[in-house]
């Protein structure tokens, strides 16, 4: 009986593995991608020759906004106002080192699923250049309307399919700017304490490109290898 039970478990595990493998092999950009680490689904979009996740990453265990993320072998995330339901819509917020899994090499996989990586500053530049430059790319990147963005979100048409959402951010003052600001880490350092990020705003035109302290909690998008 025990032997039969063990064989059944092995066969089940093998079938799950082969199913995951098949999903990965059959994936084509524009399809829904399944992150087999937790079963979450992500829309994807091909923009020029780059395949982006069209949703903010939401992997990991939520920790309280008063706590620091640590290198403990567990992917940790902040959810805005410590509400898990907000992560389901806007994704998690991650400090740079946590996102990078405590590496410093631009373009690493980090907390992205296998086959995907954290976009470099240069890859963000390729995206915004293809969309007409950072002074107008925001309109083509932001989700249209005011279901998630605050009014006015003028001109936003999501022509690219990137579907940028305003997940806000977390810093030493707490959680801020949900609905007003969507900031996205690059995996490129500015210096030992800062890294480059790209930002969108409900009120201001253009895509901002700036360095920020690594201990800020910011949204993450993954790019296919």
Protein backbone atom coordinates (compact mmCIF):
# COMPACT_ATOMS: atom_id res chain seq x y z
CA UNK A 1 0.00 0.00 0.00
CA UNK A 2 2.77 2.42 0.95
CA UNK A 3 4.64 1.54 -2.25
CA UNK A 4 1.57 2.26 -4.40
CA UNK A 5 1.02 5.55 -2.58
CA UNK A 6 4.64 6.59 -3.20
CA UNK A 7 4.37 5.73 -6.89
CA UNK A 8 1.18 7.80 -7.16
CA UNK A 9 2.90 10.80 -5.56
CA UNK A 10 5.87 10.49 -7.94
CA UNK A 11 3.59 10.27 -10.99
CA UNK A 12 1.58 13.29 -9.83
CA UNK A 13 4.74 15.34 -9.29
CA UNK A 14 6.03 14.32 -12.72
CA UNK A 15 2.77 15.28 -14.42
CA UNK A 16 2.78 18.69 -12.73
CA UNK A 17 6.39 19.22 -13.80
CA UNK A 18 5.64 18.25 -17.40
CA UNK A 19 2.58 20.50 -17.41
CA UNK A 20 4.67 23.43 -16.21
CA UNK A 21 7.34 22.63 -18.79
CA UNK A 22 4.74 22.45 -21.55
CA UNK A 23 3.25 25.80 -20.54
CA UNK A 24 6.68 27.44 -20.65
CA UNK A 25 7.58 25.89 -24.01
CA UNK A 26 4.27 26.91 -25.60
CA UNK A 27 4.30 30.46 -24.23
CA UNK A 28 4.22 33.19 -26.86
CA UNK A 29 4.44 36.87 -26.00
CA UNK A 30 0.95 38.28 -25.75
CA UNK A 31 -0.28 35.14 -24.00
CA UNK A 32 -0.95 35.01 -20.29
CA UNK A 33 2.17 33.88 -18.45
CA UNK A 34 1.83 31.58 -15.44
CA UNK A 35 4.37 32.03 -12.68
CA UNK A 36 4.61 28.47 -11.43
CA UNK A 37 6.16 29.55 -8.15
CA UNK A 38 2.78 30.71 -6.85
CA UNK A 39 0.34 30.11 -9.72
CA UNK A 40 -0.26 33.78 -10.46
CA UNK A 41 -1.08 34.83 -14.02
CA UNK A 42 0.40 37.85 -15.79
CA UNK A 43 -0.67 39.47 -19.03
CA UNK A 44 2.23 40.07 -21.40
CA UNK A 45 2.81 42.40 -24.34
CA UNK A 46 5.31 42.62 -27.19
CA UNK A 47 6.57 46.17 -27.70
CA UNK A 48 9.07 46.34 -30.55
CA UNK A 49 11.22 43.26 -29.88
CA UNK A 50 10.81 43.39 -26.09
CA UNK A 51 8.36 41.10 -24.30
CA UNK A 52 7.15 42.81 -21.10
CA UNK A 53 4.87 41.72 -18.33
CA UNK A 54 1.84 43.97 -18.68
CA UNK A 55 1.17 43.84 -14.94
CA UNK A 56 3.20 44.71 -11.87
CA UNK A 57 4.96 41.78 -10.26
CA UNK A 58 3.28 40.41 -7.13
CA UNK A 59 5.50 37.66 -5.76
CA UNK A 60 6.44 37.07 -2.15
CA UNK A 61 5.31 37.28 1.44
CA UNK A 62 3.90 40.58 2.70
CA UNK A 63 5.72 42.23 5.56
CA UNK A 64 4.60 45.25 7.56
CA UNK A 65 5.51 48.64 6.19
CA UNK A 66 7.38 49.45 9.40
CA UNK A 67 9.81 46.55 8.78
CA UNK A 68 12.92 46.47 6.62
CA UNK A 69 13.35 43.81 3.98
CA UNK A 70 16.20 41.45 4.78
CA UNK A 71 18.36 38.88 3.00
CA UNK A 72 16.71 35.88 4.63
CA UNK A 73 15.99 33.65 1.65
CA UNK A 74 12.32 34.70 1.53
CA UNK A 75 10.97 37.08 -1.12
CA UNK A 76 9.37 39.92 0.85
CA UNK A 77 7.04 42.62 -0.41
CA UNK A 78 5.10 45.61 0.86
CA UNK A 79 1.41 45.93 0.09
CA UNK A 80 0.13 49.50 0.13
CA UNK A 81 -1.23 50.34 3.59
CA UNK A 82 -0.49 46.72 4.55
CA UNK A 83 -3.55 45.58 2.57
CA UNK A 84 -2.98 42.33 0.62
CA UNK A 85 -5.98 43.10 -1.61
CA UNK A 86 -4.16 46.18 -2.96
CA UNK A 87 -1.22 43.98 -4.01
CA UNK A 88 -3.68 41.91 -6.05
CA UNK A 89 -4.39 44.99 -8.18
CA UNK A 90 -1.21 47.06 -8.14
CA UNK A 91 1.41 44.41 -7.37
CA UNK A 92 3.94 44.44 -4.57
CA UNK A 93 6.39 47.20 -3.67
CA UNK A 94 10.02 46.11 -3.35
CA UNK A 95 13.21 47.61 -2.08
CA UNK A 96 15.95 47.47 -4.72
CA UNK A 97 18.20 45.00 -2.92
CA UNK A 98 15.30 42.64 -2.25
CA UNK A 99 14.22 42.84 -5.89
CA UNK A 100 17.77 42.05 -6.99
CA UNK A 101 18.03 39.16 -4.50
CA UNK A 102 21.04 40.99 -3.09
CA UNK A 103 23.00 40.96 -6.35
CA UNK A 104 24.24 44.15 -8.04
CA UNK A 105 24.61 42.99 -11.65
CA UNK A 106 22.25 44.83 -14.01
CA UNK A 107 19.89 42.53 -15.87
CA UNK A 108 19.80 39.69 -13.34
CA UNK A 109 16.74 37.50 -12.87
CA UNK A 110 16.25 38.70 -9.30
CA UNK A 111 12.70 38.03 -8.12
CA UNK A 112 11.40 37.54 -11.65
CA UNK A 113 10.36 34.03 -12.73
CA UNK A 114 12.67 31.79 -14.74
CA UNK A 115 13.06 33.02 -18.31
CA UNK A 116 12.54 36.64 -17.27
CA UNK A 117 14.82 39.31 -15.83
CA UNK A 118 14.82 42.75 -14.23
CA UNK A 119 15.09 45.37 -16.98
CA UNK A 120 18.23 47.47 -17.09
CA UNK A 121 18.16 51.23 -17.38
CA UNK A 122 19.16 50.82 -21.02
CA UNK A 123 16.23 48.48 -21.70
CA UNK A 124 13.81 51.01 -20.23
CA UNK A 125 15.37 53.59 -22.56
CA UNK A 126 14.79 51.29 -25.54
CA UNK A 127 11.13 51.04 -24.54
CA UNK A 128 10.52 54.76 -24.15
CA UNK A 129 12.52 55.62 -27.29
CA UNK A 130 10.41 53.19 -29.33
CA UNK A 131 7.28 54.89 -27.99
CA UNK A 132 8.47 58.29 -29.18
CA UNK A 133 10.73 59.40 -26.34
CA UNK A 134 10.15 59.99 -22.67
CA UNK A 135 8.28 63.26 -23.24
CA UNK A 136 5.34 61.51 -24.92
CA UNK A 137 5.76 57.80 -24.11
CA UNK A 138 3.75 58.15 -20.90
CA UNK A 139 0.46 58.49 -22.78
CA UNK A 140 1.11 55.22 -24.62
CA UNK A 141 2.19 53.40 -21.44
CA UNK A 142 -0.45 54.40 -18.88
CA UNK A 143 -3.76 52.60 -18.47
CA UNK A 144 -6.46 54.87 -19.88
CA UNK A 145 -9.20 56.39 -17.76
CA UNK A 146 -9.51 56.89 -14.04
CA UNK A 147 -10.43 53.43 -12.74
CA UNK A 148 -6.99 53.26 -11.13
CA UNK A 149 -5.37 56.59 -11.98
CA UNK A 150 -6.57 59.77 -10.29
CA UNK A 151 -8.15 62.50 -12.41
CA UNK A 152 -7.17 63.88 -14.86
CA UNK A 153 -4.75 61.26 -16.29
CA UNK A 154 -5.08 63.32 -19.45
CA UNK A 155 -4.02 61.81 -22.76
CA UNK A 156 -3.46 58.30 -21.43
CA UNK A 157 -4.45 55.77 -24.10
CA UNK A 158 -2.31 52.69 -23.35
CA UNK A 159 -1.54 52.41 -27.06
CA UNK A 160 1.47 50.21 -26.29
CA UNK A 161 -0.45 47.75 -24.10
CA UNK A 162 2.06 48.27 -21.28
CA UNK A 163 -0.85 49.14 -18.92
CA UNK A 164 1.14 51.08 -16.33
CA UNK A 165 -0.65 51.32 -12.99
CA UNK A 166 -0.07 53.85 -10.19
CA UNK A 167 0.98 51.59 -7.33
CA UNK A 168 2.46 54.45 -5.33
CA UNK A 169 5.59 53.82 -3.29
CA UNK A 170 6.93 53.26 0.20
CA UNK A 171 9.63 55.28 1.95
CA UNK A 172 10.57 56.38 5.46
CA UNK A 173 7.32 58.38 5.67
CA UNK A 174 5.21 55.35 4.87
CA UNK A 175 2.99 54.58 1.87
CA UNK A 176 2.33 57.39 -0.57
CA UNK A 177 0.82 58.36 -3.93
CA UNK A 178 -1.43 55.37 -4.73
CA UNK A 179 -3.40 56.34 -7.83
CA UNK A 180 -1.08 59.26 -8.51
CA UNK A 181 2.33 57.77 -9.24
CA UNK A 182 3.65 54.64 -10.89
CA UNK A 183 7.38 54.11 -10.34
CA UNK A 184 9.34 51.19 -11.74
CA UNK A 185 12.81 50.03 -10.75
CA UNK A 186 15.57 49.35 -13.21
CA UNK A 187 18.26 46.87 -12.24
CA UNK A 188 20.99 49.46 -12.90
CA UNK A 189 22.75 51.11 -9.97
CA UNK A 190 23.32 54.85 -9.77
CA UNK A 191 25.76 54.42 -6.91
CA UNK A 192 26.11 52.20 -3.85
CA UNK A 193 23.02 53.68 -2.20
CA UNK A 194 20.84 54.48 -5.22
CA UNK A 195 19.48 52.99 -8.44
CA UNK A 196 17.74 54.27 -11.57
CA UNK A 197 13.96 54.20 -11.87
CA UNK A 198 11.31 55.36 -14.31
CA UNK A 199 8.14 57.13 -13.22
CA UNK A 200 4.70 58.11 -14.48
CA UNK A 201 2.32 60.63 -12.95
CA UNK A 202 -1.43 61.27 -13.07
CA UNK A 203 -0.94 65.02 -13.43
CA UNK A 204 2.41 65.57 -15.16
CA UNK A 205 3.33 64.79 -18.75
CA UNK A 206 6.26 62.61 -19.71
CA UNK A 207 8.16 59.71 -18.22
CA UNK A 208 10.54 60.75 -15.45
CA UNK A 209 13.98 59.16 -15.24
CA UNK A 210 15.72 59.58 -11.92
CA UNK A 211 17.91 57.94 -9.32
CA UNK A 212 16.39 57.00 -6.00
CA UNK A 213 17.46 55.43 -2.75
CA UNK A 214 17.49 51.65 -2.83
CA UNK A 215 15.46 51.40 0.37
CA UNK A 216 12.32 52.77 -1.28
CA UNK A 217 9.52 50.33 -2.04
CA UNK A 218 8.83 50.55 -5.77
CA UNK A 219 6.86 48.57 -8.36
CA UNK A 220 8.59 45.96 -10.54
CA UNK A 221 8.07 44.82 -14.12
CA UNK A 222 9.84 41.83 -15.65
CA UNK A 223 11.22 41.52 -19.17
CA UNK A 224 11.55 38.22 -21.01
CA UNK A 225 15.10 36.99 -21.64
